């Protein structure tokens, strides 16, 4: 009887040991997240640009961004969240903050937004603010082995507050040394295209271009009278990228232009720039 009990105990222990040595059933693979994050830094050099602001009868001077205000270059930082949909489509939302710096002296006194300022004492525009928000829907239209073109549609909005700070002269009509283009800002539709080209298992190129041109129209904003708006922007770039598992690093060149026109009986405000620069981009898929 004792021998039988020992035999049963040994058989039970051997059974547990054999079961413990069996490989565990494989876990289901973790589903990849449809989200990705893109952070980019741009350093742009001014090719052409000006600002002109009228306030009632006081016609503002047409100030060259580089020559009159010292804005030879500027930087920006953008962050975007992208959600990948089915059927090779995605939706993204990006926010970009521009950092301007400019100071110059001119050999004449200038008018800006009804303010008369001394040009020889120096004009500063470093506190100018520009924020860009872009909502994009992207859809791949055809996929070759190493070439992946896609089309983009979306909405784009620029919030601009331009400042020119200088010594105000005694005969000045006003004192506000800024113009808030952002008070008459609307989201405008835009279209674009992108081509993603594989160079190997880890290297790739991305070429993109997009923009919009909205002809002058009468808006619902009122500044003395109903404000008429006109808006145009374009952006193109070519980036080289290196893939690191779920992340990628990209470096490339960027061309960008922007024109905003606002006109009423009280104001005539125009802002224009064209710039060429470099771009660094980091992308991570969660």
C-alpha atoms as a PDB file:
ATOM      1  CA  UNK A   1       0.000   0.000   0.000  1.00  0.00           C
ATOM      2  CA  UNK A   2       2.823   2.346   0.855  1.00  0.00           C
ATOM      3  CA  UNK A   3       4.564   1.413  -2.428  1.00  0.00           C
ATOM      4  CA  UNK A   4       1.400   2.238  -4.350  1.00  0.00           C
ATOM      5  CA  UNK A   5       1.135   5.633  -2.683  1.00  0.00           C
ATOM      6  CA  UNK A   6       4.772   6.436  -3.474  1.00  0.00           C
ATOM      7  CA  UNK A   7       4.293   5.332  -7.077  1.00  0.00           C
ATOM      8  CA  UNK A   8       1.203   7.522  -7.479  1.00  0.00           C
ATOM      9  CA  UNK A   9       2.975  10.512  -5.921  1.00  0.00           C
ATOM     10  CA  UNK A  10       5.965  10.116  -8.273  1.00  0.00           C
ATOM     11  CA  UNK A  11       3.660   9.817 -11.269  1.00  0.00           C
ATOM     12  CA  UNK A  12       1.799  12.987 -10.211  1.00  0.00           C
ATOM     13  CA  UNK A  13       5.063  14.958  -9.763  1.00  0.00           C
ATOM     14  CA  UNK A  14       6.421  13.781 -13.095  1.00  0.00           C
ATOM     15  CA  UNK A  15       3.186  14.854 -14.712  1.00  0.00           C
ATOM     16  CA  UNK A  16       3.453  18.351 -13.214  1.00  0.00           C
ATOM     17  CA  UNK A  17       7.108  18.603 -14.290  1.00  0.00           C
ATOM     18  CA  UNK A  18       6.339  17.533 -17.830  1.00  0.00           C
ATOM     19  CA  UNK A  19       3.495  20.050 -18.010  1.00  0.00           C
ATOM     20  CA  UNK A  20       5.713  22.831 -16.693  1.00  0.00           C
ATOM     21  CA  UNK A  21       8.337  22.113 -19.368  1.00  0.00           C
ATOM     22  CA  UNK A  22       5.832  22.409 -22.202  1.00  0.00           C
ATOM     23  CA  UNK A  23       6.085  25.744 -24.093  1.00  0.00           C
ATOM     24  CA  UNK A  24       3.455  28.310 -23.153  1.00  0.00           C
ATOM     25  CA  UNK A  25       0.831  28.973 -25.818  1.00  0.00           C
ATOM     26  CA  UNK A  26       1.855  31.935 -27.982  1.00  0.00           C
ATOM     27  CA  UNK A  27       0.309  35.293 -27.124  1.00  0.00           C
ATOM     28  CA  UNK A  28      -1.612  37.096 -29.843  1.00  0.00           C
ATOM     29  CA  UNK A  29       0.501  39.782 -31.506  1.00  0.00           C
ATOM     30  CA  UNK A  30       0.024  43.276 -30.125  1.00  0.00           C
ATOM     31  CA  UNK A  31      -1.961  45.381 -32.553  1.00  0.00           C
ATOM     32  CA  UNK A  32      -0.012  48.380 -33.848  1.00  0.00           C
ATOM     33  CA  UNK A  33      -1.418  51.795 -33.024  1.00  0.00           C
ATOM     34  CA  UNK A  34      -2.901  53.828 -35.895  1.00  0.00           C
ATOM     35  CA  UNK A  35      -1.320  56.992 -34.462  1.00  0.00           C
ATOM     36  CA  UNK A  36       1.959  58.647 -35.399  1.00  0.00           C
ATOM     37  CA  UNK A  37       3.683  61.862 -34.309  1.00  0.00           C
ATOM     38  CA  UNK A  38       5.674  64.217 -36.546  1.00  0.00           C
ATOM     39  CA  UNK A  39       7.922  67.020 -35.248  1.00  0.00           C
ATOM     40  CA  UNK A  40       9.720  69.307 -37.691  1.00  0.00           C
ATOM     41  CA  UNK A  41      12.040  72.303 -37.468  1.00  0.00           C
ATOM     42  CA  UNK A  42      12.406  74.803 -40.317  1.00  0.00           C
ATOM     43  CA  UNK A  43      15.002  77.523 -40.906  1.00  0.00           C
ATOM     44  CA  UNK A  44      13.955  79.747 -43.821  1.00  0.00           C
ATOM     45  CA  UNK A  45      15.729  82.557 -45.665  1.00  0.00           C
ATOM     46  CA  UNK A  46      13.698  85.417 -47.096  1.00  0.00           C
ATOM     47  CA  UNK A  47      13.632  85.705 -50.895  1.00  0.00           C
ATOM     48  CA  UNK A  48      11.024  88.446 -51.143  1.00  0.00           C
ATOM     49  CA  UNK A  49       8.481  90.012 -48.837  1.00  0.00           C
ATOM     50  CA  UNK A  50       6.811  93.143 -47.533  1.00  0.00           C
ATOM     51  CA  UNK A  51       4.201  94.471 -45.127  1.00  0.00           C
ATOM     52  CA  UNK A  52       1.887  97.450 -45.674  1.00  0.00           C
ATOM     53  CA  UNK A  53      -0.873  98.611 -43.313  1.00  0.00           C
ATOM     54  CA  UNK A  54      -3.265 101.536 -43.891  1.00  0.00           C
ATOM     55  CA  UNK A  55      -5.442 103.047 -41.156  1.00  0.00           C
ATOM     56  CA  UNK A  56      -8.183 105.287 -42.558  1.00  0.00           C
ATOM     57  CA  UNK A  57      -6.514 108.109 -44.548  1.00  0.00           C
ATOM     58  CA  UNK A  58      -3.017 107.309 -43.292  1.00  0.00           C
ATOM     59  CA  UNK A  59      -1.549 105.108 -46.012  1.00  0.00           C
ATOM     60  CA  UNK A  60       1.165 102.895 -44.595  1.00  0.00           C
ATOM     61  CA  UNK A  61       4.617 102.606 -46.113  1.00  0.00           C
ATOM     62  CA  UNK A  62       5.432  99.442 -48.052  1.00  0.00           C
ATOM     63  CA  UNK A  63       8.135  97.995 -45.802  1.00  0.00           C
ATOM     64  CA  UNK A  64      10.517  95.421 -47.229  1.00  0.00           C
ATOM     65  CA  UNK A  65      10.952  92.570 -44.748  1.00  0.00           C
ATOM     66  CA  UNK A  66      14.721  92.324 -45.215  1.00  0.00           C
ATOM     67  CA  UNK A  67      15.848  95.852 -46.122  1.00  0.00           C
ATOM     68  CA  UNK A  68      13.524  97.914 -43.918  1.00  0.00           C
ATOM     69  CA  UNK A  69      12.877  95.520 -41.025  1.00  0.00           C
ATOM     70  CA  UNK A  70      15.950  93.264 -40.969  1.00  0.00           C
ATOM     71  CA  UNK A  71      13.937  90.038 -41.297  1.00  0.00           C
ATOM     72  CA  UNK A  72      16.476  88.112 -43.371  1.00  0.00           C
ATOM     73  CA  UNK A  73      15.519  84.703 -41.943  1.00  0.00           C
ATOM     74  CA  UNK A  74      13.167  83.072 -39.475  1.00  0.00           C
ATOM     75  CA  UNK A  75      12.566  79.710 -37.863  1.00  0.00           C
ATOM     76  CA  UNK A  76       9.511  77.629 -37.115  1.00  0.00           C
ATOM     77  CA  UNK A  77       8.596  74.529 -35.127  1.00  0.00           C
ATOM     78  CA  UNK A  78       5.701  72.294 -36.166  1.00  0.00           C
ATOM     79  CA  UNK A  79       4.019  69.341 -34.484  1.00  0.00           C
ATOM     80  CA  UNK A  80       1.479  67.050 -36.135  1.00  0.00           C
ATOM     81  CA  UNK A  81      -0.607  64.085 -35.058  1.00  0.00           C
ATOM     82  CA  UNK A  82      -1.614  61.628 -37.781  1.00  0.00           C
ATOM     83  CA  UNK A  83      -4.286  58.913 -37.635  1.00  0.00           C
ATOM     84  CA  UNK A  84      -4.033  56.127 -40.206  1.00  0.00           C
ATOM     85  CA  UNK A  85      -7.328  54.956 -41.676  1.00  0.00           C
ATOM     86  CA  UNK A  86      -8.166  51.913 -43.763  1.00  0.00           C
ATOM     87  CA  UNK A  87      -7.540  51.696 -47.504  1.00  0.00           C
ATOM     88  CA  UNK A  88      -4.196  53.584 -47.389  1.00  0.00           C
ATOM     89  CA  UNK A  89      -5.653  56.863 -46.086  1.00  0.00           C
ATOM     90  CA  UNK A  90      -4.867  59.098 -43.122  1.00  0.00           C
ATOM     91  CA  UNK A  91      -6.000  62.264 -41.344  1.00  0.00           C
ATOM     92  CA  UNK A  92      -3.552  64.668 -39.697  1.00  0.00           C
ATOM     93  CA  UNK A  93      -3.649  67.923 -37.741  1.00  0.00           C
ATOM     94  CA  UNK A  94      -0.548  70.118 -37.514  1.00  0.00           C
ATOM     95  CA  UNK A  95       0.257  73.310 -35.621  1.00  0.00           C
ATOM     96  CA  UNK A  96       3.271  75.458 -36.574  1.00  0.00           C
ATOM     97  CA  UNK A  97       4.753  78.363 -34.606  1.00  0.00           C
ATOM     98  CA  UNK A  98       7.037  80.869 -36.376  1.00  0.00           C
ATOM     99  CA  UNK A  99       9.855  82.709 -34.599  1.00  0.00           C
ATOM    100  CA  UNK A 100      10.717  86.050 -36.225  1.00  0.00           C
ATOM    101  CA  UNK A 101      13.635  88.350 -35.494  1.00  0.00           C
ATOM    102  CA  UNK A 102      14.293  91.684 -37.143  1.00  0.00           C
ATOM    103  CA  UNK A 103      15.783  95.109 -36.439  1.00  0.00           C
ATOM    104  CA  UNK A 104      16.915  97.761 -38.894  1.00  0.00           C
ATOM    105  CA  UNK A 105      17.274 101.505 -39.388  1.00  0.00           C
ATOM    106  CA  UNK A 106      16.003 103.373 -42.438  1.00  0.00           C
ATOM    107  CA  UNK A 107      16.734 106.890 -43.617  1.00  0.00           C
ATOM    108  CA  UNK A 108      13.111 108.027 -43.522  1.00  0.00           C
ATOM    109  CA  UNK A 109      10.193 108.187 -41.101  1.00  0.00           C
ATOM    110  CA  UNK A 110       7.502 105.589 -41.748  1.00  0.00           C
ATOM    111  CA  UNK A 111       3.754 105.147 -41.326  1.00  0.00           C
ATOM    112  CA  UNK A 112       2.369 101.846 -40.053  1.00  0.00           C
ATOM    113  CA  UNK A 113      -1.243 101.315 -38.934  1.00  0.00           C
ATOM    114  CA  UNK A 114      -1.745 105.063 -38.458  1.00  0.00           C
ATOM    115  CA  UNK A 115       1.420 105.375 -36.363  1.00  0.00           C
ATOM    116  CA  UNK A 116       4.199 107.726 -37.479  1.00  0.00           C
ATOM    117  CA  UNK A 117       7.605 106.371 -36.375  1.00  0.00           C
ATOM    118  CA  UNK A 118      11.205 107.456 -36.674  1.00  0.00           C
ATOM    119  CA  UNK A 119      13.103 105.156 -39.014  1.00  0.00           C
ATOM    120  CA  UNK A 120      16.543 106.490 -38.079  1.00  0.00           C
ATOM    121  CA  UNK A 121      16.024 105.406 -34.443  1.00  0.00           C
ATOM    122  CA  UNK A 122      15.458 101.827 -35.521  1.00  0.00           C
ATOM    123  CA  UNK A 123      12.465  99.586 -36.233  1.00  0.00           C
ATOM    124  CA  UNK A 124      11.968  96.237 -34.527  1.00  0.00           C
ATOM    125  CA  UNK A 125       9.645  93.445 -35.701  1.00  0.00           C
ATOM    126  CA  UNK A 126      10.862  90.588 -33.471  1.00  0.00           C
ATOM    127  CA  UNK A 127       7.557  90.306 -31.590  1.00  0.00           C
ATOM    128  CA  UNK A 128       5.627  89.433 -34.766  1.00  0.00           C
ATOM    129  CA  UNK A 129       3.521  86.285 -34.342  1.00  0.00           C
ATOM    130  CA  UNK A 130       2.432  83.731 -36.939  1.00  0.00           C
ATOM    131  CA  UNK A 131       0.696  80.434 -36.215  1.00  0.00           C
ATOM    132  CA  UNK A 132      -0.352  77.993 -38.930  1.00  0.00           C
ATOM    133  CA  UNK A 133      -2.930  75.220 -38.425  1.00  0.00           C
ATOM    134  CA  UNK A 134      -3.474  72.605 -41.139  1.00  0.00           C
ATOM    135  CA  UNK A 135      -6.036  69.777 -41.245  1.00  0.00           C
ATOM    136  CA  UNK A 136      -5.219  67.215 -43.970  1.00  0.00           C
ATOM    137  CA  UNK A 137      -6.809  64.116 -45.463  1.00  0.00           C
ATOM    138  CA  UNK A 138      -4.310  62.040 -47.460  1.00  0.00           C
ATOM    139  CA  UNK A 139      -5.101  59.136 -49.792  1.00  0.00           C
ATOM    140  CA  UNK A 140      -2.657  56.955 -51.726  1.00  0.00           C
ATOM    141  CA  UNK A 141      -3.859  56.829 -55.320  1.00  0.00           C
ATOM    142  CA  UNK A 142      -1.506  54.191 -56.780  1.00  0.00           C
ATOM    143  CA  UNK A 143       1.206  52.013 -55.346  1.00  0.00           C
ATOM    144  CA  UNK A 144       4.136  50.758 -57.377  1.00  0.00           C
ATOM    145  CA  UNK A 145       6.859  48.574 -55.943  1.00  0.00           C
ATOM    146  CA  UNK A 146       9.037  51.495 -54.827  1.00  0.00           C
ATOM    147  CA  UNK A 147       6.885  54.532 -55.621  1.00  0.00           C
ATOM    148  CA  UNK A 148       3.875  55.608 -53.554  1.00  0.00           C
ATOM    149  CA  UNK A 149       2.064  58.773 -54.758  1.00  0.00           C
ATOM    150  CA  UNK A 150      -0.828  60.268 -52.822  1.00  0.00           C
ATOM    151  CA  UNK A 151      -3.232  63.199 -52.996  1.00  0.00           C
ATOM    152  CA  UNK A 152      -4.044  65.578 -50.140  1.00  0.00           C
ATOM    153  CA  UNK A 153      -6.992  67.863 -49.434  1.00  0.00           C
ATOM    154  CA  UNK A 154      -7.627  69.923 -46.335  1.00  0.00           C
ATOM    155  CA  UNK A 155      -8.061  73.248 -44.579  1.00  0.00           C
ATOM    156  CA  UNK A 156      -5.342  75.767 -43.744  1.00  0.00           C
ATOM    157  CA  UNK A 157      -5.460  78.798 -41.428  1.00  0.00           C
ATOM    158  CA  UNK A 158      -2.792  81.415 -40.673  1.00  0.00           C
ATOM    159  CA  UNK A 159      -3.032  83.599 -37.558  1.00  0.00           C
ATOM    160  CA  UNK A 160      -0.778  86.635 -38.082  1.00  0.00           C
ATOM    161  CA  UNK A 161      -0.123  89.582 -35.773  1.00  0.00           C
ATOM    162  CA  UNK A 162       2.522  91.843 -37.295  1.00  0.00           C
ATOM    163  CA  UNK A 163       4.354  94.341 -35.079  1.00  0.00           C
ATOM    164  CA  UNK A 164       6.629  97.225 -36.021  1.00  0.00           C
ATOM    165  CA  UNK A 165       8.020  98.899 -32.904  1.00  0.00           C
ATOM    166  CA  UNK A 166       9.847 102.228 -33.052  1.00  0.00           C
ATOM    167  CA  UNK A 167       9.932 105.716 -31.571  1.00  0.00           C
ATOM    168  CA  UNK A 168       6.533 107.340 -32.103  1.00  0.00           C
ATOM    169  CA  UNK A 169       6.696 110.878 -33.506  1.00  0.00           C
ATOM    170  CA  UNK A 170       4.651 113.767 -32.030  1.00  0.00           C
ATOM    171  CA  UNK A 171       2.464 114.133 -35.142  1.00  0.00           C
ATOM    172  CA  UNK A 172       1.393 110.464 -35.069  1.00  0.00           C
ATOM    173  CA  UNK A 173      -2.343 109.836 -35.450  1.00  0.00           C
ATOM    174  CA  UNK A 174      -2.346 106.541 -33.520  1.00  0.00           C
ATOM    175  CA  UNK A 175      -0.200 104.605 -31.059  1.00  0.00           C
ATOM    176  CA  UNK A 176      -0.947 100.915 -31.805  1.00  0.00           C
ATOM    177  CA  UNK A 177       2.229  99.471 -33.341  1.00  0.00           C
ATOM    178  CA  UNK A 178       0.676  96.228 -34.516  1.00  0.00           C
ATOM    179  CA  UNK A 179      -1.883  94.891 -36.955  1.00  0.00           C
ATOM    180  CA  UNK A 180      -3.928  91.809 -36.102  1.00  0.00           C
ATOM    181  CA  UNK A 181      -4.541  90.039 -39.383  1.00  0.00           C
ATOM    182  CA  UNK A 182      -5.771  87.192 -37.144  1.00  0.00           C
ATOM    183  CA  UNK A 183      -8.990  89.091 -36.377  1.00  0.00           C
ATOM    184  CA  UNK A 184     -10.142  88.411 -39.954  1.00  0.00           C
ATOM    185  CA  UNK A 185      -8.825  84.855 -40.301  1.00  0.00           C
ATOM    186  CA  UNK A 186     -10.748  82.041 -41.975  1.00  0.00           C
ATOM    187  CA  UNK A 187      -9.886  78.414 -42.772  1.00  0.00           C
ATOM    188  CA  UNK A 188      -9.324  78.021 -46.512  1.00  0.00           C
ATOM    189  CA  UNK A 189      -9.341  74.819 -48.590  1.00  0.00           C
ATOM    190  CA  UNK A 190      -6.115  73.601 -50.138  1.00  0.00           C
ATOM    191  CA  UNK A 191      -4.926  70.676 -52.270  1.00  0.00           C
ATOM    192  CA  UNK A 192      -1.577  68.938 -52.565  1.00  0.00           C
ATOM    193  CA  UNK A 193       0.327  65.900 -53.768  1.00  0.00           C
ATOM    194  CA  UNK A 194       3.072  63.742 -52.292  1.00  0.00           C
ATOM    195  CA  UNK A 195       5.377  61.073 -53.719  1.00  0.00           C
ATOM    196  CA  UNK A 196       7.163  58.608 -51.414  1.00  0.00           C
ATOM    197  CA  UNK A 197      10.060  56.768 -53.069  1.00  0.00           C
ATOM    198  CA  UNK A 198      11.914  53.782 -51.599  1.00  0.00           C
ATOM    199  CA  UNK A 199      15.699  53.838 -52.058  1.00  0.00           C
ATOM    200  CA  UNK A 200      16.307  50.673 -50.050  1.00  0.00           C
ATOM    201  CA  UNK A 201      15.252  48.951 -46.865  1.00  0.00           C
ATOM    202  CA  UNK A 202      16.024  51.998 -44.713  1.00  0.00           C
ATOM    203  CA  UNK A 203      16.419  54.986 -47.090  1.00  0.00           C
ATOM    204  CA  UNK A 204      13.717  56.941 -48.882  1.00  0.00           C
ATOM    205  CA  UNK A 205      12.828  60.252 -50.568  1.00  0.00           C
ATOM    206  CA  UNK A 206       9.674  62.327 -50.101  1.00  0.00           C
ATOM    207  CA  UNK A 207       8.611  65.059 -52.538  1.00  0.00           C
ATOM    208  CA  UNK A 208       5.548  67.174 -51.778  1.00  0.00           C
ATOM    209  CA  UNK A 209       3.749  70.256 -53.027  1.00  0.00           C
ATOM    210  CA  UNK A 210       0.516  71.944 -51.985  1.00  0.00           C
ATOM    211  CA  UNK A 211      -1.259  75.243 -51.795  1.00  0.00           C
ATOM    212  CA  UNK A 212      -4.315  77.329 -52.500  1.00  0.00           C
ATOM    213  CA  UNK A 213      -5.289  80.615 -54.143  1.00  0.00           C
ATOM    214  CA  UNK A 214      -8.498  82.286 -52.957  1.00  0.00           C
ATOM    215  CA  UNK A 215      -9.595  85.242 -55.122  1.00  0.00           C
ATOM    216  CA  UNK A 216     -10.805  88.424 -53.468  1.00  0.00           C
ATOM    217  CA  UNK A 217     -14.240  88.080 -51.882  1.00  0.00           C
ATOM    218  CA  UNK A 218     -16.464  90.012 -49.485  1.00  0.00           C
ATOM    219  CA  UNK A 219     -16.371  88.475 -45.997  1.00  0.00           C
ATOM    220  CA  UNK A 220     -18.676  88.913 -43.002  1.00  0.00           C
ATOM    221  CA  UNK A 221     -15.956  90.791 -41.042  1.00  0.00           C
ATOM    222  CA  UNK A 222     -16.500  94.543 -40.567  1.00  0.00           C
ATOM    223  CA  UNK A 223     -13.730  97.165 -40.215  1.00  0.00           C
ATOM    224  CA  UNK A 224     -15.421 100.446 -41.118  1.00  0.00           C
ATOM    225  CA  UNK A 225     -17.173  98.484 -43.878  1.00  0.00           C
ATOM    226  CA  UNK A 226     -17.419  94.875 -44.947  1.00  0.00           C
ATOM    227  CA  UNK A 227     -13.895  93.501 -45.243  1.00  0.00           C
ATOM    228  CA  UNK A 228     -12.705  92.026 -48.543  1.00  0.00           C
ATOM    229  CA  UNK A 229     -10.201  89.172 -48.211  1.00  0.00           C
ATOM    230  CA  UNK A 230      -7.691  87.540 -50.513  1.00  0.00           C
ATOM    231  CA  UNK A 231      -5.414  84.640 -49.575  1.00  0.00           C
ATOM    232  CA  UNK A 232      -2.773  82.558 -51.340  1.00  0.00           C
ATOM    233  CA  UNK A 233      -0.108  80.156 -50.143  1.00  0.00           C
ATOM    234  CA  UNK A 234       2.094  77.430 -51.592  1.00  0.00           C
ATOM    235  CA  UNK A 235       4.661  75.050 -50.167  1.00  0.00           C
ATOM    236  CA  UNK A 236       6.971  72.486 -51.731  1.00  0.00           C
ATOM    237  CA  UNK A 237       9.740  70.324 -50.366  1.00  0.00           C
ATOM    238  CA  UNK A 238      12.117  67.450 -51.009  1.00  0.00           C
ATOM    239  CA  UNK A 239      13.330  65.331 -48.069  1.00  0.00           C
ATOM    240  CA  UNK A 240      15.762  62.462 -47.671  1.00  0.00           C
ATOM    241  CA  UNK A 241      14.846  60.041 -44.897  1.00  0.00           C
ATOM    242  CA  UNK A 242      16.403  57.215 -42.893  1.00  0.00           C
ATOM    243  CA  UNK A 243      14.148  54.678 -41.185  1.00  0.00           C
ATOM    244  CA  UNK A 244      14.824  53.432 -37.632  1.00  0.00           C
ATOM    245  CA  UNK A 245      12.324  50.704 -36.657  1.00  0.00           C
ATOM    246  CA  UNK A 246       9.157  52.668 -35.867  1.00  0.00           C
ATOM    247  CA  UNK A 247      10.812  56.050 -36.319  1.00  0.00           C
ATOM    248  CA  UNK A 248      12.392  57.995 -39.150  1.00  0.00           C
ATOM    249  CA  UNK A 249      14.699  61.003 -39.480  1.00  0.00           C
ATOM    250  CA  UNK A 250      14.434  63.316 -42.484  1.00  0.00           C
ATOM    251  CA  UNK A 251      16.368  66.302 -43.796  1.00  0.00           C
ATOM    252  CA  UNK A 252      15.461  68.368 -46.828  1.00  0.00           C
ATOM    253  CA  UNK A 253      14.818  71.692 -48.535  1.00  0.00           C
ATOM    254  CA  UNK A 254      11.621  73.738 -48.357  1.00  0.00           C
ATOM    255  CA  UNK A 255      10.099  76.529 -50.449  1.00  0.00           C
ATOM    256  CA  UNK A 256       7.176  78.503 -49.084  1.00  0.00           C
ATOM    257  CA  UNK A 257       5.154  81.583 -50.008  1.00  0.00           C
ATOM    258  CA  UNK A 258       2.252  83.351 -48.312  1.00  0.00           C
ATOM    259  CA  UNK A 259       0.135  86.376 -49.247  1.00  0.00           C
ATOM    260  CA  UNK A 260      -2.681  87.853 -47.158  1.00  0.00           C
ATOM    261  CA  UNK A 261      -4.741  90.868 -48.284  1.00  0.00           C
ATOM    262  CA  UNK A 262      -7.474  92.552 -46.218  1.00  0.00           C
ATOM    263  CA  UNK A 263      -9.272  95.666 -47.450  1.00  0.00           C
ATOM    264  CA  UNK A 264     -12.109  97.889 -46.171  1.00  0.00           C
ATOM    265  CA  UNK A 265     -12.825 101.604 -45.843  1.00  0.00           C
ATOM    266  CA  UNK A 266     -10.823 101.622 -42.591  1.00  0.00           C
ATOM    267  CA  UNK A 267      -7.940  99.261 -43.446  1.00  0.00           C
ATOM    268  CA  UNK A 268      -5.840  98.023 -46.311  1.00  0.00           C
ATOM    269  CA  UNK A 269      -3.459  95.367 -44.971  1.00  0.00           C
ATOM    270  CA  UNK A 270      -1.094  93.300 -47.105  1.00  0.00           C
ATOM    271  CA  UNK A 271       1.534  90.773 -46.059  1.00  0.00           C
ATOM    272  CA  UNK A 272       3.737  88.769 -48.422  1.00  0.00           C
ATOM    273  CA  UNK A 273       6.758  86.529 -48.096  1.00  0.00           C
ATOM    274  CA  UNK A 274       8.659  84.013 -50.184  1.00  0.00           C
ATOM    275  CA  UNK A 275      11.327  81.898 -48.516  1.00  0.00           C
ATOM    276  CA  UNK A 276      13.680  78.994 -49.137  1.00  0.00           C
ATOM    277  CA  UNK A 277      15.064  76.941 -46.286  1.00  0.00           C
ATOM    278  CA  UNK A 278      16.060  73.653 -44.736  1.00  0.00           C
ATOM    279  CA  UNK A 279      13.854  71.279 -42.783  1.00  0.00           C
ATOM    280  CA  UNK A 280      14.581  68.611 -40.164  1.00  0.00           C
ATOM    281  CA  UNK A 281      11.808  66.156 -39.406  1.00  0.00           C
ATOM    282  CA  UNK A 282      11.321  63.333 -36.891  1.00  0.00           C
ATOM    283  CA  UNK A 283       8.435  60.868 -37.205  1.00  0.00           C
ATOM    284  CA  UNK A 284       7.438  58.102 -34.806  1.00  0.00           C
ATOM    285  CA  UNK A 285       4.694  55.494 -35.229  1.00  0.00           C
ATOM    286  CA  UNK A 286       3.159  54.244 -31.974  1.00  0.00           C
END
